[in-house]
Amino acid sequence: MFLNPIDTIGRVREKWRVECKEPFSAANGGKVKNTAFFRVFGACVLMGAGVLLSGCKPDLTPASAQAMIQAEYDHRPPAGISITVDELGLKQGITANLWKLTKVYPNNRWADYTLTDAGKKALKLQTGGEVIQWRPELGGSFSFVVTSVATNHLRARDLKEIQDEVGGSKGVEFSESVNLDGVPDALQEMAHHPGNKLSGKHQADFTLEGGAWKLKSIE
């Protein structure tokens, strides 16, 4: 229930008329009574304004912000994970029977590796086809990119403190990470090698629409 300023003035004046002694008030020129009256009235108005403001603008909690960000990610089509495979990953793929050596070139640096049936079920080559063309230069490193057949949605986690922004909007920094559920263990290990990025910092912005907070954008 909101305070009615007119009713409040009447009740406060009556309270002070009964409780304050006229001689005392008159002796002080009515200043004590008037000062006290306005202090009480001011407190009542501020209290009513606080109730009004809190009722009109709901709070945006980290839990609700994270839920809205995750809902946006879940709404997007799931995708496979792109993984850069280095020399160590090449050897791990052989051990895990994802691909096998099928040709060695005269320079003893170049080779072809063909995906096995298990490999075809687990990954796709960025270049297409079934043959990994391993072509390192002399003394140089080399890598190739695969994409997991298993598809997942990105995950939102580790939200920072929500910040107020210009225009009454709010923003929060969070971590966006890939989801490796369903990806074979060997590929998960390769995904943690140098050259791969499994998470990154992003910013989400929210606006108040129709009395409720809505996700505006993710950058």
C-alpha atoms as a PDB file:
ATOM      1  CA  MET A   1       0.000   0.000   0.000  1.00  0.00           C
ATOM      2  CA  PHE A   2       1.429   3.426  -0.945  1.00  0.00           C
ATOM      3  CA  LEU A   3       1.379   6.403   1.405  1.00  0.00           C
ATOM      4  CA  ASN A   4      -1.164   9.136   0.689  1.00  0.00           C
ATOM      5  CA  PRO A   5       0.651  12.437   1.352  1.00  0.00           C
ATOM      6  CA  ILE A   6      -2.590  14.270   2.295  1.00  0.00           C
ATOM      7  CA  ASP A   7      -3.686  11.608   4.799  1.00  0.00           C
ATOM      8  CA  THR A   8      -0.145  11.409   6.145  1.00  0.00           C
ATOM      9  CA  ILE A   9       0.002  15.170   6.797  1.00  0.00           C
ATOM     10  CA  GLY A  10      -3.296  15.044   8.665  1.00  0.00           C
ATOM     11  CA  ARG A  11      -2.268  12.112  10.875  1.00  0.00           C
ATOM     12  CA  VAL A  12       1.140  13.571  11.670  1.00  0.00           C
ATOM     13  CA  ARG A  13      -0.284  17.020  12.530  1.00  0.00           C
ATOM     14  CA  GLU A  14      -2.892  15.479  14.848  1.00  0.00           C
ATOM     15  CA  LYS A  15      -0.199  13.409  16.580  1.00  0.00           C
ATOM     16  CA  TRP A  16       1.914  16.471  17.256  1.00  0.00           C
ATOM     17  CA  ARG A  17      -1.110  18.597  18.337  1.00  0.00           C
ATOM     18  CA  VAL A  18      -1.914  16.065  21.054  1.00  0.00           C
ATOM     19  CA  GLU A  19       1.597  15.183  22.199  1.00  0.00           C
ATOM     20  CA  CYS A  20       3.338  18.589  22.043  1.00  0.00           C
ATOM     21  CA  LYS A  21       2.589  21.202  24.761  1.00  0.00           C
ATOM     22  CA  GLU A  22       1.305  24.537  23.416  1.00  0.00           C
ATOM     23  CA  PRO A  23       3.211  26.671  25.912  1.00  0.00           C
ATOM     24  CA  PHE A  24       6.448  24.994  24.970  1.00  0.00           C
ATOM     25  CA  SER A  25       5.745  25.428  21.281  1.00  0.00           C
ATOM     26  CA  ALA A  26       4.654  29.021  21.692  1.00  0.00           C
ATOM     27  CA  ALA A  27       7.705  29.842  23.731  1.00  0.00           C
ATOM     28  CA  ASN A  28       9.893  28.606  20.916  1.00  0.00           C
ATOM     29  CA  GLY A  29       7.930  30.358  18.224  1.00  0.00           C
ATOM     30  CA  GLY A  30       6.453  27.070  16.992  1.00  0.00           C
ATOM     31  CA  LYS A  31       9.828  26.110  15.543  1.00  0.00           C
ATOM     32  CA  VAL A  32      10.237  22.892  17.510  1.00  0.00           C
ATOM     33  CA  LYS A  33       6.818  21.581  16.498  1.00  0.00           C
ATOM     34  CA  ASN A  34       7.217  22.556  12.846  1.00  0.00           C
ATOM     35  CA  THR A  35      10.736  21.157  12.590  1.00  0.00           C
ATOM     36  CA  ALA A  36       9.755  17.844  14.142  1.00  0.00           C
ATOM     37  CA  PHE A  37       6.647  17.663  11.974  1.00  0.00           C
ATOM     38  CA  PHE A  38       8.578  18.079   8.745  1.00  0.00           C
ATOM     39  CA  ARG A  39      11.175  15.539   9.856  1.00  0.00           C
ATOM     40  CA  VAL A  40       8.470  12.922  10.375  1.00  0.00           C
ATOM     41  CA  PHE A  41       6.671  13.874   7.181  1.00  0.00           C
ATOM     42  CA  GLY A  42       9.922  13.776   5.194  1.00  0.00           C
ATOM     43  CA  ALA A  43      10.730  10.315   6.521  1.00  0.00           C
ATOM     44  CA  CYS A  44       7.255   9.101   5.537  1.00  0.00           C
ATOM     45  CA  VAL A  45       7.590  10.479   2.001  1.00  0.00           C
ATOM     46  CA  LEU A  46      11.037   8.916   1.543  1.00  0.00           C
ATOM     47  CA  MET A  47       9.778   5.584   2.799  1.00  0.00           C
ATOM     48  CA  GLY A  48       6.877   5.700   0.354  1.00  0.00           C
ATOM     49  CA  ALA A  49       9.197   6.614  -2.508  1.00  0.00           C
ATOM     50  CA  GLY A  50      11.459   3.690  -1.676  1.00  0.00           C
ATOM     51  CA  VAL A  51       8.542   1.276  -1.840  1.00  0.00           C
ATOM     52  CA  LEU A  52       7.449   2.773  -5.140  1.00  0.00           C
ATOM     53  CA  LEU A  53      10.888   2.523  -6.733  1.00  0.00           C
ATOM     54  CA  SER A  54      11.577  -1.011  -5.534  1.00  0.00           C
ATOM     55  CA  GLY A  55       8.222  -2.130  -6.850  1.00  0.00           C
ATOM     56  CA  CYS A  56       8.780  -0.655 -10.328  1.00  0.00           C
ATOM     57  CA  LYS A  57      12.317  -1.908 -11.024  1.00  0.00           C
ATOM     58  CA  PRO A  58      13.025  -5.576 -10.228  1.00  0.00           C
ATOM     59  CA  ASP A  59      16.519  -6.679  -9.364  1.00  0.00           C
ATOM     60  CA  LEU A  60      18.685  -8.581 -11.864  1.00  0.00           C
ATOM     61  CA  THR A  61      20.422 -11.427 -10.034  1.00  0.00           C
ATOM     62  CA  PRO A  62      23.504 -13.329 -11.297  1.00  0.00           C
ATOM     63  CA  ALA A  63      21.434 -16.529 -11.390  1.00  0.00           C
ATOM     64  CA  SER A  64      18.718 -15.019 -13.592  1.00  0.00           C
ATOM     65  CA  ALA A  65      21.325 -13.328 -15.827  1.00  0.00           C
ATOM     66  CA  GLN A  66      23.190 -16.620 -16.336  1.00  0.00           C
ATOM     67  CA  ALA A  67      19.923 -18.432 -17.069  1.00  0.00           C
ATOM     68  CA  MET A  68      19.050 -15.911 -19.803  1.00  0.00           C
ATOM     69  CA  ILE A  69      22.511 -16.179 -21.384  1.00  0.00           C
ATOM     70  CA  GLN A  70      22.393 -19.979 -21.321  1.00  0.00           C
ATOM     71  CA  ALA A  71      18.875 -19.939 -22.794  1.00  0.00           C
ATOM     72  CA  GLU A  72      20.224 -17.895 -25.713  1.00  0.00           C
ATOM     73  CA  TYR A  73      23.045 -20.394 -26.275  1.00  0.00           C
ATOM     74  CA  ASP A  74      20.610 -23.316 -26.062  1.00  0.00           C
ATOM     75  CA  HIS A  75      18.407 -21.609 -28.662  1.00  0.00           C
ATOM     76  CA  ARG A  76      21.252 -21.563 -31.176  1.00  0.00           C
ATOM     77  CA  PRO A  77      21.966 -24.671 -33.309  1.00  0.00           C
ATOM     78  CA  PRO A  78      24.457 -27.042 -31.599  1.00  0.00           C
ATOM     79  CA  ALA A  79      27.859 -27.292 -33.240  1.00  0.00           C
ATOM     80  CA  GLY A  80      30.926 -29.507 -33.251  1.00  0.00           C
ATOM     81  CA  ILE A  81      34.179 -28.468 -31.597  1.00  0.00           C
ATOM     82  CA  SER A  82      37.048 -27.354 -33.849  1.00  0.00           C
ATOM     83  CA  ILE A  83      40.331 -28.844 -32.633  1.00  0.00           C
ATOM     84  CA  THR A  84      43.822 -28.027 -33.858  1.00  0.00           C
ATOM     85  CA  VAL A  85      45.932 -31.201 -33.902  1.00  0.00           C
ATOM     86  CA  ASP A  86      49.716 -30.877 -33.509  1.00  0.00           C
ATOM     87  CA  GLU A  87      52.417 -33.555 -33.721  1.00  0.00           C
ATOM     88  CA  LEU A  88      51.570 -34.898 -30.261  1.00  0.00           C
ATOM     89  CA  GLY A  89      47.910 -35.059 -31.230  1.00  0.00           C
ATOM     90  CA  LEU A  90      48.817 -36.872 -34.446  1.00  0.00           C
ATOM     91  CA  LYS A  91      50.471 -39.628 -32.394  1.00  0.00           C
ATOM     92  CA  GLN A  92      47.528 -39.745 -29.955  1.00  0.00           C
ATOM     93  CA  GLY A  93      45.144 -40.191 -32.886  1.00  0.00           C
ATOM     94  CA  ILE A  94      47.139 -43.177 -34.119  1.00  0.00           C
ATOM     95  CA  THR A  95      47.110 -44.757 -30.654  1.00  0.00           C
ATOM     96  CA  ALA A  96      43.344 -44.155 -30.344  1.00  0.00           C
ATOM     97  CA  ASN A  97      42.788 -45.698 -33.811  1.00  0.00           C
ATOM     98  CA  LEU A  98      41.258 -42.509 -35.222  1.00  0.00           C
ATOM     99  CA  TRP A  99      43.611 -42.579 -38.244  1.00  0.00           C
ATOM    100  CA  LYS A 100      46.440 -44.726 -39.573  1.00  0.00           C
ATOM    101  CA  LEU A 101      49.590 -44.152 -41.621  1.00  0.00           C
ATOM    102  CA  THR A 102      49.047 -44.995 -45.294  1.00  0.00           C
ATOM    103  CA  LYS A 103      51.938 -43.292 -47.112  1.00  0.00           C
ATOM    104  CA  VAL A 104      55.419 -41.896 -46.388  1.00  0.00           C
ATOM    105  CA  TYR A 105      57.128 -39.527 -48.855  1.00  0.00           C
ATOM    106  CA  PRO A 106      60.833 -39.728 -49.912  1.00  0.00           C
ATOM    107  CA  ASN A 107      61.838 -36.766 -47.711  1.00  0.00           C
ATOM    108  CA  ASN A 108      60.701 -38.758 -44.664  1.00  0.00           C
ATOM    109  CA  ARG A 109      58.871 -35.690 -43.329  1.00  0.00           C
ATOM    110  CA  TRP A 110      55.669 -35.806 -45.309  1.00  0.00           C
ATOM    111  CA  ALA A 111      53.082 -38.523 -44.886  1.00  0.00           C
ATOM    112  CA  ASP A 112      49.430 -39.325 -45.442  1.00  0.00           C
ATOM    113  CA  TYR A 113      47.155 -40.643 -42.720  1.00  0.00           C
ATOM    114  CA  THR A 114      43.712 -42.053 -43.499  1.00  0.00           C
ATOM    115  CA  LEU A 115      40.765 -41.929 -41.124  1.00  0.00           C
ATOM    116  CA  THR A 116      39.643 -45.270 -39.723  1.00  0.00           C
ATOM    117  CA  ASP A 117      35.999 -46.237 -39.382  1.00  0.00           C
ATOM    118  CA  ALA A 118      36.183 -45.131 -35.718  1.00  0.00           C
ATOM    119  CA  GLY A 119      37.723 -41.828 -36.829  1.00  0.00           C
ATOM    120  CA  LYS A 120      34.964 -41.172 -39.352  1.00  0.00           C
ATOM    121  CA  LYS A 121      32.387 -41.575 -36.572  1.00  0.00           C
ATOM    122  CA  ALA A 122      34.266 -39.201 -34.263  1.00  0.00           C
ATOM    123  CA  LEU A 123      35.507 -36.330 -36.464  1.00  0.00           C
ATOM    124  CA  LYS A 124      35.579 -34.551 -39.790  1.00  0.00           C
ATOM    125  CA  LEU A 125      38.626 -33.008 -41.439  1.00  0.00           C
ATOM    126  CA  GLN A 126      38.440 -29.267 -42.034  1.00  0.00           C
ATOM    127  CA  THR A 127      39.834 -29.838 -45.535  1.00  0.00           C
ATOM    128  CA  GLY A 128      37.216 -32.514 -46.236  1.00  0.00           C
ATOM    129  CA  GLY A 129      37.782 -36.075 -47.355  1.00  0.00           C
ATOM    130  CA  GLU A 130      39.371 -38.873 -45.350  1.00  0.00           C
ATOM    131  CA  VAL A 131      43.135 -38.248 -45.783  1.00  0.00           C
ATOM    132  CA  ILE A 132      45.264 -36.146 -43.454  1.00  0.00           C
ATOM    133  CA  GLN A 133      48.057 -34.604 -45.502  1.00  0.00           C
ATOM    134  CA  TRP A 134      50.891 -34.153 -43.027  1.00  0.00           C
ATOM    135  CA  ARG A 135      53.257 -31.620 -44.645  1.00  0.00           C
ATOM    136  CA  PRO A 136      55.737 -30.065 -42.163  1.00  0.00           C
ATOM    137  CA  GLU A 137      58.586 -28.009 -43.556  1.00  0.00           C
ATOM    138  CA  LEU A 138      62.161 -28.756 -42.528  1.00  0.00           C
ATOM    139  CA  GLY A 139      62.584 -27.805 -38.877  1.00  0.00           C
ATOM    140  CA  GLY A 140      59.080 -26.364 -38.714  1.00  0.00           C
ATOM    141  CA  SER A 141      55.934 -27.324 -36.848  1.00  0.00           C
ATOM    142  CA  PHE A 142      52.732 -28.438 -38.517  1.00  0.00           C
ATOM    143  CA  SER A 143      49.104 -28.965 -37.538  1.00  0.00           C
ATOM    144  CA  PHE A 144      45.683 -29.642 -39.013  1.00  0.00           C
ATOM    145  CA  VAL A 145      42.121 -28.973 -37.870  1.00  0.00           C
ATOM    146  CA  VAL A 146      39.320 -31.444 -37.183  1.00  0.00           C
ATOM    147  CA  THR A 147      35.730 -30.926 -36.056  1.00  0.00           C
ATOM    148  CA  SER A 148      34.018 -33.293 -33.651  1.00  0.00           C
ATOM    149  CA  VAL A 149      30.958 -35.129 -34.951  1.00  0.00           C
ATOM    150  CA  ALA A 150      29.398 -34.751 -31.503  1.00  0.00           C
ATOM    151  CA  THR A 151      27.589 -31.395 -31.321  1.00  0.00           C
ATOM    152  CA  ASN A 152      26.832 -29.335 -28.218  1.00  0.00           C
ATOM    153  CA  HIS A 153      25.767 -25.893 -27.066  1.00  0.00           C
ATOM    154  CA  LEU A 154      28.160 -23.377 -25.581  1.00  0.00           C
ATOM    155  CA  ARG A 155      28.099 -22.867 -21.813  1.00  0.00           C
ATOM    156  CA  ALA A 156      27.893 -19.650 -19.812  1.00  0.00           C
ATOM    157  CA  ARG A 157      29.677 -19.627 -16.449  1.00  0.00           C
ATOM    158  CA  ASP A 158      31.696 -17.596 -13.938  1.00  0.00           C
ATOM    159  CA  LEU A 159      29.648 -14.388 -14.057  1.00  0.00           C
ATOM    160  CA  LYS A 160      31.296 -11.297 -12.579  1.00  0.00           C
ATOM    161  CA  GLU A 161      29.488  -8.574 -10.615  1.00  0.00           C
ATOM    162  CA  ILE A 162      26.554  -7.074 -12.522  1.00  0.00           C
ATOM    163  CA  GLN A 163      27.195  -3.427 -13.444  1.00  0.00           C
ATOM    164  CA  ASP A 164      24.781  -0.532 -13.996  1.00  0.00           C
ATOM    165  CA  GLU A 165      25.124   1.076 -17.433  1.00  0.00           C
ATOM    166  CA  VAL A 166      24.023   4.304 -19.079  1.00  0.00           C
ATOM    167  CA  GLY A 167      20.299   4.542 -19.711  1.00  0.00           C
ATOM    168  CA  GLY A 168      19.264   2.189 -16.925  1.00  0.00           C
ATOM    169  CA  SER A 169      20.562  -0.974 -18.596  1.00  0.00           C
ATOM    170  CA  LYS A 170      22.863  -3.512 -16.930  1.00  0.00           C
ATOM    171  CA  GLY A 171      25.876  -5.508 -18.073  1.00  0.00           C
ATOM    172  CA  VAL A 172      27.946  -8.424 -16.839  1.00  0.00           C
ATOM    173  CA  GLU A 173      31.184 -10.098 -17.899  1.00  0.00           C
ATOM    174  CA  PHE A 174      31.187 -13.901 -18.054  1.00  0.00           C
ATOM    175  CA  SER A 175      33.105 -16.867 -19.422  1.00  0.00           C
ATOM    176  CA  GLU A 176      31.885 -18.685 -22.530  1.00  0.00           C
ATOM    177  CA  SER A 177      33.191 -22.247 -22.773  1.00  0.00           C
ATOM    178  CA  VAL A 178      32.811 -25.147 -25.176  1.00  0.00           C
ATOM    179  CA  ASN A 179      31.032 -28.331 -24.157  1.00  0.00           C
ATOM    180  CA  LEU A 180      32.990 -31.533 -24.795  1.00  0.00           C
ATOM    181  CA  ASP A 181      30.210 -33.954 -23.839  1.00  0.00           C
ATOM    182  CA  GLY A 182      30.185 -36.932 -26.208  1.00  0.00           C
ATOM    183  CA  VAL A 183      33.604 -36.095 -27.696  1.00  0.00           C
ATOM    184  CA  PRO A 184      36.037 -39.086 -27.566  1.00  0.00           C
ATOM    185  CA  ASP A 185      38.692 -38.900 -24.850  1.00  0.00           C
ATOM    186  CA  ALA A 186      41.560 -38.711 -27.366  1.00  0.00           C
ATOM    187  CA  LEU A 187      40.016 -35.652 -29.041  1.00  0.00           C
ATOM    188  CA  GLN A 188      39.361 -34.051 -25.653  1.00  0.00           C
ATOM    189  CA  GLU A 189      43.053 -34.421 -24.813  1.00  0.00           C
ATOM    190  CA  MET A 190      44.008 -32.842 -28.153  1.00  0.00           C
ATOM    191  CA  ALA A 191      41.630 -29.965 -27.455  1.00  0.00           C
ATOM    192  CA  HIS A 192      43.730 -29.053 -24.413  1.00  0.00           C
ATOM    193  CA  HIS A 193      46.953 -28.776 -26.434  1.00  0.00           C
ATOM    194  CA  PRO A 194      48.447 -25.353 -27.335  1.00  0.00           C
ATOM    195  CA  GLY A 195      46.669 -23.664 -30.228  1.00  0.00           C
ATOM    196  CA  ASN A 196      43.185 -24.470 -28.958  1.00  0.00           C
ATOM    197  CA  LYS A 197      40.882 -22.072 -27.124  1.00  0.00           C
ATOM    198  CA  LEU A 198      38.164 -23.692 -25.052  1.00  0.00           C
ATOM    199  CA  SER A 199      36.862 -20.574 -23.293  1.00  0.00           C
ATOM    200  CA  GLY A 200      36.845 -16.795 -23.562  1.00  0.00           C
ATOM    201  CA  LYS A 201      35.558 -13.661 -21.855  1.00  0.00           C
ATOM    202  CA  HIS A 202      32.358 -12.055 -23.130  1.00  0.00           C
ATOM    203  CA  GLN A 203      29.957  -9.254 -22.156  1.00  0.00           C
ATOM    204  CA  ALA A 204      26.180  -9.593 -21.876  1.00  0.00           C
ATOM    205  CA  ASP A 205      23.892  -6.547 -21.775  1.00  0.00           C
ATOM    206  CA  PHE A 206      20.347  -6.446 -20.376  1.00  0.00           C
ATOM    207  CA  THR A 207      17.458  -3.969 -20.703  1.00  0.00           C
ATOM    208  CA  LEU A 208      14.268  -3.553 -18.698  1.00  0.00           C
ATOM    209  CA  GLU A 209      11.206  -4.234 -20.855  1.00  0.00           C
ATOM    210  CA  GLY A 210       7.643  -4.489 -19.604  1.00  0.00           C
ATOM    211  CA  GLY A 211       8.782  -4.629 -15.999  1.00  0.00           C
ATOM    212  CA  ALA A 212      11.206  -7.536 -16.584  1.00  0.00           C
ATOM    213  CA  TRP A 213      14.883  -7.820 -17.502  1.00  0.00           C
ATOM    214  CA  LYS A 214      15.628  -9.088 -21.022  1.00  0.00           C
ATOM    215  CA  LEU A 215      18.914 -10.134 -22.630  1.00  0.00           C
ATOM    216  CA  LYS A 216      19.817  -7.499 -25.229  1.00  0.00           C
ATOM    217  CA  SER A 217      23.111  -8.727 -26.658  1.00  0.00           C
ATOM    218  CA  ILE A 218      26.215 -10.864 -26.143  1.00  0.00           C
ATOM    219  CA  GLU A 219      29.553  -9.506 -27.275  1.00  0.00           C
END
